[in-house]
Protein backbone atom coordinates (compact mmCIF):
# COMPACT_ATOMS: atom_id res chain seq x y z
CA UNK A 1 78.48 143.35 150.92
CA UNK A 2 81.61 144.69 149.24
CA UNK A 3 81.03 147.93 150.78
CA UNK A 4 80.54 146.51 154.10
CA UNK A 5 83.82 144.72 154.24
CA UNK A 6 85.65 147.73 152.94
CA UNK A 7 84.19 149.91 155.79
CA UNK A 8 85.18 146.95 158.44
CA UNK A 9 88.81 147.04 156.75
CA UNK A 10 89.16 150.84 157.13
CA UNK A 11 87.74 150.76 160.94
CA UNK A 12 90.47 147.78 161.56
CA UNK A 13 93.30 149.83 159.98
CA UNK A 14 92.13 152.98 162.06
CA UNK A 15 91.96 150.95 165.29
CA UNK A 16 95.33 149.35 164.62
CA UNK A 17 96.78 152.65 163.98
CA UNK A 18 95.41 154.00 167.19
CA UNK A 19 96.96 151.05 169.10
CA UNK A 20 100.48 151.46 167.70
CA UNK A 21 100.58 155.19 168.22
CA UNK A 22 99.20 154.53 172.01
CA UNK A 23 101.94 151.57 172.03
CA UNK A 24 104.71 153.97 170.75
CA UNK A 25 103.31 156.66 173.33
CA UNK A 26 103.99 154.10 176.11
CA UNK A 27 107.40 153.10 174.81
CA UNK A 28 108.22 156.81 174.50
CA UNK A 29 107.07 157.10 178.17
CA UNK A 30 108.90 154.19 179.54
CA UNK A 31 112.24 155.08 177.64
CA UNK A 32 111.87 158.60 179.13
CA UNK A 33 111.41 157.00 182.98
CA UNK A 34 114.60 154.70 182.33
CA UNK A 35 116.68 157.90 181.24
CA UNK A 36 115.15 159.96 183.84
CA UNK A 37 116.06 157.33 186.58
CA UNK A 38 119.70 156.85 185.03
CA UNK A 39 120.40 160.78 184.90
CA UNK A 40 118.95 160.95 188.84
CA UNK A 41 121.22 157.86 189.91
CA UNK A 42 124.08 159.36 188.37
CA UNK A 43 123.77 162.81 189.80
CA UNK A 44 123.57 161.51 193.42
CA UNK A 45 127.28 161.21 194.09
CA UNK A 46 126.72 158.35 196.68
CA UNK A 47 124.77 156.23 194.37
CA UNK A 48 127.18 157.23 191.47
CA UNK A 49 130.04 156.18 193.61
CA UNK A 50 128.27 152.72 194.44
CA UNK A 51 127.38 152.31 190.74
CA UNK A 52 130.76 152.67 189.30
CA UNK A 53 131.98 150.41 192.12
CA UNK A 54 129.88 147.74 191.13
CA UNK A 55 130.55 148.19 187.21
CA UNK A 56 134.11 148.21 188.16
CA UNK A 57 133.92 144.64 190.01
CA UNK A 58 131.76 143.34 187.31
CA UNK A 59 133.15 140.45 185.20
CA UNK A 60 131.19 141.24 182.26
CA UNK A 61 132.11 144.80 182.14
CA UNK A 62 135.93 144.11 182.65
CA UNK A 63 135.65 141.53 179.51
CA UNK A 64 133.64 144.14 177.49
CA UNK A 65 136.36 146.80 178.36
CA UNK A 66 138.95 144.41 177.38
CA UNK A 67 137.51 143.72 174.15
CA UNK A 68 136.88 147.24 173.22
CA UNK A 69 140.40 148.19 174.35
CA UNK A 70 141.69 145.43 171.75
CA UNK A 71 139.20 146.60 169.10
CA UNK A 72 140.14 150.34 169.58
CA UNK A 73 144.01 149.30 169.21
CA UNK A 74 143.42 147.25 166.18
CA UNK A 75 141.63 150.06 164.66
CA UNK A 76 144.22 152.74 165.26
CA UNK A 77 146.95 150.25 164.23
CA UNK A 78 145.24 149.96 160.83
CA UNK A 79 144.76 153.47 160.33
CA UNK A 80 148.30 154.32 161.03
CA UNK A 81 149.47 151.62 158.93
CA UNK A 82 147.08 152.80 155.94
CA UNK A 83 148.18 156.42 156.55
CA UNK A 84 151.82 155.46 156.44
CA UNK A 85 151.19 153.30 153.24
CA UNK A 86 149.18 156.53 151.57
CA UNK A 87 152.37 158.60 152.51
CA UNK A 88 154.80 156.41 151.46
CA UNK A 89 153.18 155.91 147.97
CA UNK A 90 152.38 159.59 147.70
CA UNK A 91 156.19 160.19 148.31
CA UNK A 92 157.44 157.37 145.91
CA UNK A 93 154.76 159.05 143.14
CA UNK A 94 156.11 162.45 143.82
CA UNK A 95 159.87 161.34 143.55
CA UNK A 96 159.11 159.42 140.32
CA UNK A 97 157.24 162.42 138.78
CA UNK A 98 160.22 164.82 140.10
CA UNK A 99 162.64 162.37 138.40
CA UNK A 100 160.49 162.64 135.29
CA UNK A 101 160.53 166.39 135.70
CA UNK A 102 164.13 166.84 136.05
CA UNK A 103 165.21 164.68 133.36
CA UNK A 104 163.02 166.49 131.06
CA UNK A 105 164.88 169.91 132.36
CA UNK A 106 168.04 168.09 131.73
CA UNK A 107 167.10 167.26 128.06
CA UNK A 108 166.00 170.70 127.68
CA UNK A 109 168.92 172.44 129.16
CA UNK A 110 171.28 170.09 126.77
CA UNK A 111 169.28 171.24 123.88
CA UNK A 112 169.54 174.79 124.75
CA UNK A 113 173.25 174.43 125.59
CA UNK A 114 173.75 172.90 122.02
CA UNK A 115 171.84 175.81 120.28
CA UNK A 116 174.19 178.23 122.48
CA UNK A 117 177.45 176.24 121.29
CA UNK A 118 176.26 176.44 117.78
CA UNK A 119 175.72 180.31 117.75
CA UNK A 120 178.92 180.84 119.49
CA UNK A 121 180.92 178.73 117.00
CA UNK A 122 179.02 181.08 114.08
CA UNK A 123 179.89 184.32 115.99
CA UNK A 124 183.69 183.11 116.28
CA UNK A 125 183.67 182.00 112.43
CA UNK A 126 182.29 185.86 111.80
CA UNK A 127 184.63 187.26 113.93
CA UNK A 128 187.59 185.60 112.47
CA UNK A 129 186.51 186.53 108.88
CA UNK A 130 186.17 189.85 110.19
CA UNK A 131 189.61 190.02 111.65
CA UNK A 132 191.14 188.48 108.50
CA UNK A 133 189.46 191.18 106.03
CA UNK A 134 190.45 194.01 108.52
CA UNK A 135 193.98 192.82 108.35
CA UNK A 136 194.08 192.05 104.70
CA UNK A 137 192.52 195.63 104.30
CA UNK A 138 195.30 197.35 106.53
CA UNK A 139 198.04 195.44 104.59
CA UNK A 140 196.89 196.88 101.52
CA UNK A 141 196.30 200.28 102.98
CA UNK A 142 200.08 199.90 104.09
CA UNK A 143 201.16 198.53 100.89
CA UNK A 144 199.63 201.46 98.84
CA UNK A 145 200.88 204.01 101.21
CA UNK A 146 204.28 202.79 100.89
CA UNK A 147 204.16 202.65 97.01
CA UNK A 148 202.69 205.97 97.11
CA UNK A 149 205.37 207.39 99.17
CA UNK A 150 208.06 205.73 97.05
CA UNK A 151 206.38 207.02 94.07
CA UNK A 152 206.56 210.62 95.46
CA UNK A 153 210.11 210.29 96.58
CA UNK A 154 211.02 209.22 92.90
CA UNK A 155 209.41 212.33 91.46
């Protein structure tokens, strides 16, 4: 008996699948007919004009158009606001990051200037020492030459 019940269930599911495929075929045929009729109406210029005139006079179409216009306007407004906010946020972030970078650069330049000033001070000290040693050497040479010339005159 169990086998007979299984066979009946299999036959039932096969019949249901055939019916559903037939229904889908019928649905597709009806849909194709409606689309074809619509295209045929719109391709005829007189029928197209009459249809557009009727649609323009329809209160439902007017309300739907007004609602669509309102929705589209709201959508565009929201997108524009979010775009402006994103641009403003990006600009403020870039300005703050630029400020941080410039502060870092300024600190770096200050440290370089300090190093350069220290080096210049050392060079000035060295030049001062060199000038003193040279002038003292010249004085010694001048003193020695004067003393040797005076010694040679005495002899």
